[in-house]
């Protein structure tokens, strides 16, 4: 549900997109394309984009690089969240996350249930924070990307969304590192 306060200023965030797949490439990455189109249409900045094989070490390395890049506020991945042997995106996330945003995965599956029923249990969508950067892992289908962006992330990454949003918390994500 949209609760946009038009009296507030929109603050674009810088978002990196990672497609996790052994079969996708720039010519057939429809989920990545869909996500990038929605990000820019919402007024945000596409800071970087990559396609990474289903390999936890490769995914982790790219996540760490982006987390350490102060020009990236948010990382969104698509793919690798299922339960097969090659699906390792949540495992890579667990290597880097400082805090998990449990509500993201819960809400994603609730919304997904309304569209695909009990098949949503096969999704291990996850969200969290690391190094002052938000990270969200979406399933690899175009429908899942649309659901995750249109129904959750679009609103939480809009600084005008009320009663609260993730953008207003960005400056506070590393408060625990401040010294007296």
N, C-alpha and C. Protein backbone atom coordinates (compact mmCIF):
# COMPACT_ATOMS: atom_id res chain seq x y z
N UNK A 1 0.83 -1.17 0.00
CA UNK A 1 0.00 0.00 0.00
C UNK A 1 0.88 1.24 0.00
N UNK A 2 0.54 2.17 -0.86
CA UNK A 2 1.29 3.41 -0.98
C UNK A 2 0.83 4.41 0.07
N UNK A 3 1.79 4.93 0.80
CA UNK A 3 1.52 5.99 1.76
C UNK A 3 2.58 7.07 1.55
N UNK A 4 2.53 7.71 0.42
CA UNK A 4 3.53 8.70 0.05
C UNK A 4 3.10 10.08 0.52
N UNK A 5 3.98 10.73 1.24
CA UNK A 5 3.76 12.10 1.71
C UNK A 5 4.43 13.03 0.69
N UNK A 6 3.63 13.61 -0.18
CA UNK A 6 4.13 14.45 -1.27
C UNK A 6 4.78 15.73 -0.78
N UNK A 7 4.63 16.06 0.50
CA UNK A 7 5.27 17.26 1.02
C UNK A 7 6.74 17.01 1.36
N UNK A 8 7.15 15.76 1.35
CA UNK A 8 8.54 15.41 1.67
C UNK A 8 9.34 15.26 0.38
N UNK A 9 10.64 15.48 0.49
CA UNK A 9 11.54 15.39 -0.66
C UNK A 9 11.86 13.92 -0.97
N UNK A 10 11.85 13.56 -2.26
CA UNK A 10 12.30 12.24 -2.69
C UNK A 10 13.82 12.24 -2.71
N UNK A 11 14.42 11.25 -2.07
CA UNK A 11 15.87 11.11 -2.04
C UNK A 11 16.26 9.83 -2.77
N UNK A 12 16.84 9.94 -3.96
CA UNK A 12 17.22 8.72 -4.68
C UNK A 12 18.34 7.98 -3.96
N UNK A 13 18.27 6.66 -3.98
CA UNK A 13 19.34 5.85 -3.42
C UNK A 13 20.08 5.16 -4.56
N UNK A 14 21.31 4.78 -4.27
CA UNK A 14 22.17 4.13 -5.27
C UNK A 14 22.10 2.62 -5.05
N UNK A 15 21.62 1.92 -6.08
CA UNK A 15 21.31 0.50 -5.96
C UNK A 15 22.14 -0.32 -6.94
N UNK A 16 22.76 -1.39 -6.43
CA UNK A 16 23.48 -2.35 -7.26
C UNK A 16 22.60 -3.59 -7.41
N UNK A 17 22.58 -4.15 -8.61
CA UNK A 17 21.74 -5.32 -8.91
C UNK A 17 22.64 -6.48 -9.32
N UNK A 18 22.43 -7.62 -8.68
CA UNK A 18 23.17 -8.83 -9.00
C UNK A 18 22.19 -9.93 -9.40
N UNK A 19 22.38 -10.48 -10.58
CA UNK A 19 21.65 -11.67 -10.98
C UNK A 19 22.52 -12.86 -10.68
N UNK A 20 21.98 -13.82 -9.94
CA UNK A 20 22.72 -15.04 -9.59
C UNK A 20 22.17 -16.17 -10.45
N UNK A 21 23.02 -16.68 -11.36
CA UNK A 21 22.55 -17.72 -12.27
C UNK A 21 23.72 -18.35 -13.02
N UNK A 22 23.57 -19.63 -13.31
CA UNK A 22 24.54 -20.33 -14.16
C UNK A 22 24.16 -20.22 -15.62
N UNK A 23 22.96 -19.76 -15.92
CA UNK A 23 22.46 -19.75 -17.30
C UNK A 23 22.15 -18.37 -17.85
N UNK A 24 22.02 -17.37 -17.02
CA UNK A 24 21.68 -16.03 -17.50
C UNK A 24 22.92 -15.31 -17.99
N UNK A 25 22.71 -14.47 -18.99
CA UNK A 25 23.75 -13.59 -19.51
C UNK A 25 23.06 -12.30 -19.92
N UNK A 26 23.82 -11.27 -20.29
CA UNK A 26 23.17 -9.98 -20.57
C UNK A 26 22.05 -10.04 -21.60
N UNK A 27 22.06 -11.00 -22.48
CA UNK A 27 21.03 -11.10 -23.51
C UNK A 27 19.73 -11.74 -23.05
N UNK A 28 19.74 -12.46 -21.92
CA UNK A 28 18.52 -13.14 -21.50
C UNK A 28 18.19 -12.94 -20.01
N UNK A 29 18.74 -11.92 -19.41
CA UNK A 29 18.53 -11.66 -17.99
C UNK A 29 17.26 -10.84 -17.79
N UNK A 30 16.11 -11.46 -18.04
CA UNK A 30 14.84 -10.72 -17.97
C UNK A 30 14.53 -10.24 -16.55
N UNK A 31 14.86 -11.03 -15.54
CA UNK A 31 14.60 -10.59 -14.17
C UNK A 31 15.48 -9.40 -13.79
N UNK A 32 16.76 -9.47 -14.14
CA UNK A 32 17.66 -8.34 -13.89
C UNK A 32 17.22 -7.10 -14.64
N UNK A 33 16.83 -7.28 -15.90
CA UNK A 33 16.35 -6.15 -16.70
C UNK A 33 15.11 -5.52 -16.07
N UNK A 34 14.18 -6.36 -15.65
CA UNK A 34 12.94 -5.87 -15.03
C UNK A 34 13.25 -5.07 -13.77
N UNK A 35 14.13 -5.60 -12.95
CA UNK A 35 14.49 -4.91 -11.71
C UNK A 35 15.16 -3.58 -12.00
N UNK A 36 16.11 -3.57 -12.91
CA UNK A 36 16.81 -2.31 -13.26
C UNK A 36 15.86 -1.27 -13.82
N UNK A 37 14.93 -1.70 -14.66
CA UNK A 37 13.95 -0.77 -15.23
C UNK A 37 13.09 -0.15 -14.13
N UNK A 38 12.66 -0.95 -13.18
CA UNK A 38 11.81 -0.45 -12.11
C UNK A 38 12.59 0.48 -11.18
N UNK A 39 13.84 0.17 -10.92
CA UNK A 39 14.68 1.01 -10.07
C UNK A 39 14.83 2.40 -10.67
N UNK A 40 15.17 2.46 -11.94
CA UNK A 40 15.37 3.77 -12.57
C UNK A 40 14.05 4.51 -12.79
N UNK A 41 12.98 3.77 -13.10
CA UNK A 41 11.67 4.41 -13.26
C UNK A 41 11.20 5.06 -11.97
N UNK A 42 11.62 4.49 -10.83
CA UNK A 42 11.24 5.05 -9.53
C UNK A 42 12.10 6.26 -9.15
N UNK A 43 13.11 6.56 -9.96
CA UNK A 43 13.95 7.73 -9.69
C UNK A 43 15.24 7.43 -8.97
N UNK A 44 15.55 6.15 -8.77
CA UNK A 44 16.79 5.77 -8.09
C UNK A 44 17.93 5.64 -9.10
N UNK A 45 19.13 5.47 -8.59
CA UNK A 45 20.34 5.39 -9.41
C UNK A 45 20.81 3.95 -9.47
N UNK A 46 20.95 3.42 -10.67
CA UNK A 46 21.52 2.09 -10.84
C UNK A 46 23.03 2.25 -10.74
N UNK A 47 23.58 1.87 -9.59
CA UNK A 47 24.99 2.11 -9.29
C UNK A 47 25.91 1.08 -9.95
N UNK A 48 25.43 -0.15 -10.11
CA UNK A 48 26.23 -1.21 -10.73
C UNK A 48 25.31 -2.39 -11.01
N UNK A 49 25.79 -3.27 -11.86
CA UNK A 49 25.01 -4.46 -12.20
C UNK A 49 25.98 -5.58 -12.56
N UNK A 50 25.64 -6.80 -12.14
CA UNK A 50 26.50 -7.94 -12.43
C UNK A 50 25.67 -9.21 -12.54
N UNK A 51 26.19 -10.16 -13.30
CA UNK A 51 25.65 -11.52 -13.34
C UNK A 51 26.74 -12.43 -12.79
N UNK A 52 26.41 -13.15 -11.72
CA UNK A 52 27.37 -13.99 -11.01
C UNK A 52 26.85 -15.43 -11.01
N UNK A 53 27.75 -16.38 -11.22
CA UNK A 53 27.37 -17.80 -11.18
C UNK A 53 26.89 -18.19 -9.78
N UNK A 54 26.14 -19.28 -9.72
CA UNK A 54 25.67 -19.82 -8.45
C UNK A 54 26.85 -20.42 -7.69
N UNK A 55 27.64 -19.56 -7.10
CA UNK A 55 28.83 -19.97 -6.36
C UNK A 55 28.93 -19.04 -5.15
N UNK A 56 28.81 -19.59 -3.96
CA UNK A 56 28.76 -18.77 -2.75
C UNK A 56 29.99 -17.89 -2.59
N UNK A 57 31.16 -18.39 -2.96
CA UNK A 57 32.38 -17.58 -2.83
C UNK A 57 32.36 -16.39 -3.77
N UNK A 58 31.90 -16.59 -5.01
CA UNK A 58 31.83 -15.49 -5.98
C UNK A 58 30.77 -14.46 -5.56
N UNK A 59 29.64 -14.95 -5.11
CA UNK A 59 28.57 -14.05 -4.67
C UNK A 59 29.05 -13.23 -3.47
N UNK A 60 29.66 -13.90 -2.50
CA UNK A 60 30.16 -13.23 -1.31
C UNK A 60 31.19 -12.16 -1.66
N UNK A 61 32.11 -12.49 -2.56
CA UNK A 61 33.15 -11.52 -2.95
C UNK A 61 32.52 -10.27 -3.56
N UNK A 62 31.54 -10.44 -4.43
CA UNK A 62 30.89 -9.27 -5.05
C UNK A 62 30.11 -8.49 -4.00
N UNK A 63 29.42 -9.18 -3.12
CA UNK A 63 28.68 -8.48 -2.05
C UNK A 63 29.63 -7.64 -1.21
N UNK A 64 30.75 -8.21 -0.80
CA UNK A 64 31.72 -7.48 0.02
C UNK A 64 32.25 -6.25 -0.73
N UNK A 65 32.55 -6.41 -2.01
CA UNK A 65 33.01 -5.27 -2.81
C UNK A 65 31.99 -4.15 -2.84
N UNK A 66 30.73 -4.51 -3.03
CA UNK A 66 29.69 -3.50 -3.07
C UNK A 66 29.40 -2.91 -1.69
N UNK A 67 29.43 -3.73 -0.65
CA UNK A 67 29.22 -3.23 0.71
C UNK A 67 30.30 -2.19 1.06
N UNK A 68 31.51 -2.44 0.62
CA UNK A 68 32.62 -1.52 0.90
C UNK A 68 32.65 -0.29 0.00
N UNK A 69 31.82 -0.26 -1.01
CA UNK A 69 31.73 0.87 -1.94
C UNK A 69 30.75 1.90 -1.37
N UNK A 70 31.25 3.02 -0.94
CA UNK A 70 30.40 4.04 -0.32
C UNK A 70 29.44 4.70 -1.31
N UNK A 71 29.56 4.36 -2.59
CA UNK A 71 28.64 4.89 -3.59
C UNK A 71 27.46 3.94 -3.82
N UNK A 72 27.33 2.90 -2.99
CA UNK A 72 26.22 1.96 -3.08
C UNK A 72 25.50 1.93 -1.74
N UNK A 73 24.19 2.19 -1.78
CA UNK A 73 23.36 2.20 -0.57
C UNK A 73 22.61 0.88 -0.38
N UNK A 74 22.26 0.25 -1.49
CA UNK A 74 21.39 -0.93 -1.47
C UNK A 74 21.90 -1.93 -2.50
N UNK A 75 21.86 -3.21 -2.14
CA UNK A 75 22.16 -4.29 -3.06
C UNK A 75 20.92 -5.16 -3.16
N UNK A 76 20.47 -5.43 -4.39
CA UNK A 76 19.34 -6.34 -4.59
C UNK A 76 19.81 -7.45 -5.52
N UNK A 77 19.64 -8.68 -5.06
CA UNK A 77 19.98 -9.82 -5.91
C UNK A 77 18.71 -10.49 -6.39
N UNK A 78 18.81 -11.17 -7.51
CA UNK A 78 17.72 -11.96 -8.03
C UNK A 78 18.28 -13.32 -8.43
N UNK A 79 17.70 -14.36 -7.87
CA UNK A 79 18.14 -15.72 -8.18
C UNK A 79 18.91 -16.37 -7.06
N UNK A 80 18.91 -17.70 -7.08
CA UNK A 80 19.69 -18.47 -6.12
C UNK A 80 19.07 -18.59 -4.75
N UNK A 81 17.76 -18.29 -4.62
CA UNK A 81 17.12 -18.34 -3.30
C UNK A 81 16.27 -19.59 -3.11
N UNK A 82 16.32 -20.51 -4.05
CA UNK A 82 15.52 -21.73 -3.94
C UNK A 82 16.17 -22.74 -3.01
N UNK A 83 15.79 -24.01 -3.18
CA UNK A 83 16.27 -25.04 -2.26
C UNK A 83 17.10 -26.13 -2.96
N UNK A 84 17.43 -25.92 -4.22
CA UNK A 84 18.24 -26.93 -4.89
C UNK A 84 19.71 -26.80 -4.45
N UNK A 85 20.51 -27.75 -4.83
CA UNK A 85 21.91 -27.75 -4.45
C UNK A 85 22.69 -26.56 -4.96
N UNK A 86 22.28 -25.98 -6.09
CA UNK A 86 22.99 -24.84 -6.67
C UNK A 86 22.52 -23.51 -6.09
N UNK A 87 21.43 -23.47 -5.35
CA UNK A 87 20.89 -22.23 -4.80
C UNK A 87 21.62 -21.86 -3.51
N UNK A 88 22.52 -20.87 -3.60
CA UNK A 88 23.38 -20.54 -2.46
C UNK A 88 23.39 -19.05 -2.11
N UNK A 89 22.47 -18.28 -2.65
CA UNK A 89 22.46 -16.85 -2.34
C UNK A 89 22.25 -16.58 -0.85
N UNK A 90 21.28 -17.22 -0.17
CA UNK A 90 21.14 -16.96 1.27
C UNK A 90 22.38 -17.35 2.07
N UNK A 91 23.07 -18.40 1.64
CA UNK A 91 24.29 -18.79 2.33
C UNK A 91 25.36 -17.71 2.17
N UNK A 92 25.47 -17.14 0.98
CA UNK A 92 26.42 -16.04 0.77
C UNK A 92 26.02 -14.83 1.61
N UNK A 93 24.73 -14.52 1.67
CA UNK A 93 24.26 -13.42 2.50
C UNK A 93 24.64 -13.65 3.96
N UNK A 94 24.48 -14.89 4.43
CA UNK A 94 24.76 -15.17 5.85
C UNK A 94 26.22 -14.91 6.19
N UNK A 95 27.10 -14.95 5.22
CA UNK A 95 28.52 -14.68 5.45
C UNK A 95 28.80 -13.20 5.68
N UNK A 96 27.91 -12.32 5.20
CA UNK A 96 28.19 -10.88 5.26
C UNK A 96 27.22 -10.08 6.11
N UNK A 97 26.04 -10.59 6.38
CA UNK A 97 25.04 -9.79 7.09
C UNK A 97 25.41 -9.56 8.56
N UNK A 98 25.24 -8.32 8.99
CA UNK A 98 25.38 -7.97 10.40
C UNK A 98 24.04 -8.12 11.11
N UNK A 99 22.97 -7.76 10.40
CA UNK A 99 21.61 -7.87 10.94
C UNK A 99 20.71 -8.37 9.82
N UNK A 100 19.78 -9.22 10.22
CA UNK A 100 18.78 -9.72 9.27
C UNK A 100 17.50 -8.91 9.45
N UNK A 101 16.85 -8.61 8.34
CA UNK A 101 15.54 -7.96 8.37
C UNK A 101 14.52 -9.08 8.13
N UNK A 102 14.13 -9.77 9.20
CA UNK A 102 13.25 -10.92 9.08
C UNK A 102 11.95 -10.60 8.37
N UNK A 103 11.42 -9.42 8.63
CA UNK A 103 10.15 -9.04 8.04
C UNK A 103 10.15 -9.02 6.53
N UNK A 104 11.31 -8.79 5.90
CA UNK A 104 11.35 -8.76 4.45
C UNK A 104 10.96 -10.11 3.86
N UNK A 105 11.64 -11.17 4.29
CA UNK A 105 11.34 -12.50 3.77
C UNK A 105 9.93 -12.94 4.11
N UNK A 106 9.51 -12.63 5.34
CA UNK A 106 8.16 -12.99 5.77
C UNK A 106 7.10 -12.30 4.91
N UNK A 107 7.28 -11.00 4.69
CA UNK A 107 6.31 -10.25 3.89
C UNK A 107 6.35 -10.70 2.44
N UNK A 108 7.54 -10.95 1.91
CA UNK A 108 7.64 -11.42 0.52
C UNK A 108 6.86 -12.72 0.35
N UNK A 109 7.05 -13.68 1.26
CA UNK A 109 6.35 -14.95 1.14
C UNK A 109 4.85 -14.80 1.34
N UNK A 110 4.43 -13.89 2.21
CA UNK A 110 3.00 -13.65 2.40
C UNK A 110 2.38 -13.13 1.10
N UNK A 111 3.03 -12.15 0.50
CA UNK A 111 2.52 -11.59 -0.75
C UNK A 111 2.57 -12.63 -1.87
N UNK A 112 3.64 -13.40 -1.91
CA UNK A 112 3.81 -14.43 -2.92
C UNK A 112 2.74 -15.52 -2.78
N UNK A 113 2.39 -15.85 -1.56
CA UNK A 113 1.37 -16.87 -1.30
C UNK A 113 0.05 -16.50 -1.98
N UNK A 114 -0.27 -15.22 -2.01
CA UNK A 114 -1.51 -14.76 -2.62
C UNK A 114 -1.52 -15.01 -4.12
N UNK A 115 -0.33 -15.20 -4.72
CA UNK A 115 -0.24 -15.39 -6.17
C UNK A 115 0.10 -16.81 -6.57
N UNK A 116 0.97 -17.49 -5.78
CA UNK A 116 1.40 -18.84 -6.18
C UNK A 116 1.08 -19.90 -5.13
N UNK A 117 0.36 -19.53 -4.10
CA UNK A 117 -0.05 -20.50 -3.10
C UNK A 117 1.12 -21.06 -2.32
N UNK A 118 0.97 -22.31 -1.94
CA UNK A 118 1.97 -22.92 -1.06
C UNK A 118 3.34 -23.10 -1.71
N UNK A 119 3.45 -22.92 -3.00
CA UNK A 119 4.76 -23.00 -3.66
C UNK A 119 5.74 -21.96 -3.11
N UNK A 120 5.22 -20.94 -2.44
CA UNK A 120 6.08 -19.90 -1.89
C UNK A 120 7.04 -20.43 -0.83
N UNK A 121 6.77 -21.61 -0.25
CA UNK A 121 7.70 -22.15 0.76
C UNK A 121 9.06 -22.46 0.15
N UNK A 122 9.15 -22.54 -1.16
CA UNK A 122 10.42 -22.83 -1.81
C UNK A 122 11.31 -21.60 -1.94
N UNK A 123 10.81 -20.44 -1.54
CA UNK A 123 11.60 -19.21 -1.60
C UNK A 123 12.29 -18.94 -0.29
N UNK A 124 13.58 -18.63 -0.38
CA UNK A 124 14.34 -18.24 0.81
C UNK A 124 14.75 -16.77 0.68
N UNK A 125 13.81 -15.93 0.20
CA UNK A 125 14.07 -14.50 0.10
C UNK A 125 14.51 -13.99 1.47
N UNK A 126 15.49 -13.09 1.47
CA UNK A 126 16.07 -12.61 2.72
C UNK A 126 16.48 -11.14 2.56
N UNK A 127 16.48 -10.43 3.66
CA UNK A 127 16.96 -9.05 3.67
C UNK A 127 17.82 -8.82 4.89
N UNK A 128 18.68 -7.81 4.81
CA UNK A 128 19.51 -7.48 5.96
C UNK A 128 20.35 -6.25 5.74
N UNK A 129 21.30 -6.06 6.66
CA UNK A 129 22.16 -4.89 6.65
C UNK A 129 23.60 -5.33 6.88
N UNK A 130 24.52 -4.70 6.18
CA UNK A 130 25.94 -4.92 6.41
C UNK A 130 26.72 -3.68 5.99
N UNK A 131 27.59 -3.23 6.86
CA UNK A 131 28.43 -2.09 6.52
C UNK A 131 27.68 -0.84 6.11
N UNK A 132 26.50 -0.64 6.66
CA UNK A 132 25.70 0.52 6.30
C UNK A 132 24.97 0.39 4.98
N UNK A 133 24.93 -0.82 4.43
CA UNK A 133 24.28 -1.10 3.15
C UNK A 133 23.13 -2.07 3.37
N UNK A 134 22.00 -1.82 2.72
CA UNK A 134 20.89 -2.76 2.74
C UNK A 134 21.13 -3.82 1.69
N UNK A 135 20.78 -5.08 2.01
CA UNK A 135 20.88 -6.18 1.07
C UNK A 135 19.55 -6.92 1.03
N UNK A 136 19.07 -7.23 -0.18
CA UNK A 136 17.83 -7.97 -0.34
C UNK A 136 18.03 -9.02 -1.42
N UNK A 137 17.63 -10.25 -1.13
CA UNK A 137 17.73 -11.35 -2.08
C UNK A 137 16.33 -11.77 -2.49
N UNK A 138 16.05 -11.64 -3.78
CA UNK A 138 14.77 -12.03 -4.36
C UNK A 138 14.95 -13.30 -5.19
N UNK A 139 13.89 -14.09 -5.34
CA UNK A 139 13.97 -15.22 -6.26
C UNK A 139 14.24 -14.74 -7.69
N UNK A 140 14.58 -15.67 -8.56
CA UNK A 140 15.02 -15.32 -9.91
C UNK A 140 13.94 -15.15 -10.96
N UNK A 141 12.69 -15.42 -10.63
CA UNK A 141 11.65 -15.26 -11.65
C UNK A 141 11.30 -13.78 -11.81
N UNK A 142 10.87 -13.42 -13.00
CA UNK A 142 10.46 -12.03 -13.25
C UNK A 142 9.28 -11.66 -12.37
N UNK A 143 8.36 -12.60 -12.17
CA UNK A 143 7.21 -12.34 -11.30
C UNK A 143 7.63 -12.04 -9.87
N UNK A 144 8.60 -12.79 -9.37
CA UNK A 144 9.08 -12.56 -8.00
C UNK A 144 9.77 -11.20 -7.89
N UNK A 145 10.51 -10.82 -8.90
CA UNK A 145 11.16 -9.51 -8.91
C UNK A 145 10.11 -8.40 -8.88
N UNK A 146 9.08 -8.55 -9.68
CA UNK A 146 8.00 -7.56 -9.69
C UNK A 146 7.33 -7.48 -8.33
N UNK A 147 7.03 -8.65 -7.74
CA UNK A 147 6.39 -8.67 -6.42
C UNK A 147 7.28 -8.00 -5.36
N UNK A 148 8.54 -8.38 -5.33
CA UNK A 148 9.46 -7.83 -4.33
C UNK A 148 9.65 -6.33 -4.47
N UNK A 149 9.80 -5.88 -5.72
CA UNK A 149 9.99 -4.43 -5.93
C UNK A 149 8.68 -3.68 -5.78
N UNK A 150 7.66 -4.07 -6.53
CA UNK A 150 6.42 -3.31 -6.59
C UNK A 150 5.69 -3.25 -5.24
N UNK A 151 5.75 -4.34 -4.49
CA UNK A 151 4.94 -4.43 -3.27
C UNK A 151 5.71 -4.13 -1.99
N UNK A 152 7.05 -4.15 -2.04
CA UNK A 152 7.82 -3.92 -0.81
C UNK A 152 8.90 -2.86 -1.00
N UNK A 153 9.89 -3.18 -1.82
CA UNK A 153 11.08 -2.33 -1.90
C UNK A 153 10.80 -0.96 -2.49
N UNK A 154 9.93 -0.87 -3.45
CA UNK A 154 9.59 0.44 -4.04
C UNK A 154 9.16 1.42 -2.96
N UNK A 155 8.39 0.93 -2.01
CA UNK A 155 7.86 1.81 -0.97
C UNK A 155 8.87 2.05 0.14
N UNK A 156 9.55 1.00 0.58
CA UNK A 156 10.50 1.16 1.68
C UNK A 156 11.76 1.93 1.26
N UNK A 157 12.03 1.99 -0.04
CA UNK A 157 13.17 2.77 -0.53
C UNK A 157 12.75 4.15 -1.04
N UNK A 158 11.55 4.57 -0.71
CA UNK A 158 11.06 5.90 -1.05
C UNK A 158 11.05 6.74 0.23
N UNK A 159 11.86 7.77 0.26
CA UNK A 159 12.02 8.61 1.45
C UNK A 159 10.74 9.32 1.86
N UNK A 160 9.74 9.33 0.99
CA UNK A 160 8.47 9.99 1.30
C UNK A 160 7.44 9.05 1.91
N UNK A 161 7.76 7.75 1.96
CA UNK A 161 6.80 6.76 2.46
C UNK A 161 6.59 6.92 3.96
N UNK A 162 5.34 6.87 4.39
CA UNK A 162 4.96 7.02 5.78
C UNK A 162 4.22 5.78 6.24
N UNK A 163 4.35 5.39 7.49
CA UNK A 163 4.88 6.17 8.59
C UNK A 163 6.41 6.15 8.69
N UNK A 164 7.06 5.21 8.01
CA UNK A 164 8.51 5.17 8.06
C UNK A 164 9.03 4.45 6.82
N UNK A 165 10.34 4.56 6.59
CA UNK A 165 10.95 3.94 5.42
C UNK A 165 12.41 3.64 5.74
N UNK A 166 13.03 2.83 4.92
CA UNK A 166 14.43 2.45 5.14
C UNK A 166 15.41 3.56 4.80
N UNK A 167 15.04 4.45 3.92
CA UNK A 167 15.95 5.52 3.50
C UNK A 167 16.30 6.43 4.68
N UNK A 168 15.32 6.76 5.49
CA UNK A 168 15.59 7.67 6.61
C UNK A 168 16.49 7.03 7.66
N UNK A 169 16.63 5.70 7.62
CA UNK A 169 17.51 5.01 8.57
C UNK A 169 18.94 4.85 8.05
N UNK A 170 19.17 5.09 6.77
CA UNK A 170 20.51 4.91 6.20
C UNK A 170 21.61 5.59 7.01
N UNK A 171 21.46 6.85 7.41
CA UNK A 171 22.53 7.51 8.16
C UNK A 171 22.80 6.87 9.53
N UNK A 172 21.87 6.05 10.01
CA UNK A 172 22.00 5.50 11.36
C UNK A 172 22.45 4.04 11.38
N UNK A 173 22.65 3.44 10.24
CA UNK A 173 22.95 2.01 10.18
C UNK A 173 24.29 1.64 10.80
N UNK A 174 25.20 2.61 10.92
CA UNK A 174 26.50 2.31 11.47
C UNK A 174 26.75 3.04 12.80
N UNK A 175 25.68 3.37 13.50
CA UNK A 175 25.81 4.06 14.78
C UNK A 175 26.68 3.27 15.76
N UNK A 176 26.64 1.96 15.69
CA UNK A 176 27.40 1.13 16.62
C UNK A 176 28.90 1.27 16.44
N UNK A 177 29.33 1.86 15.34
CA UNK A 177 30.75 2.03 15.07
C UNK A 177 31.30 3.37 15.56
N UNK A 178 30.40 4.28 15.93
CA UNK A 178 30.83 5.61 16.37
C UNK A 178 31.51 5.52 17.74
N UNK A 179 32.59 6.24 17.88
CA UNK A 179 33.29 6.29 19.16
C UNK A 179 32.93 7.55 19.90
N UNK A 180 33.01 7.52 21.21
CA UNK A 180 32.63 8.69 22.02
C UNK A 180 33.67 9.77 21.97
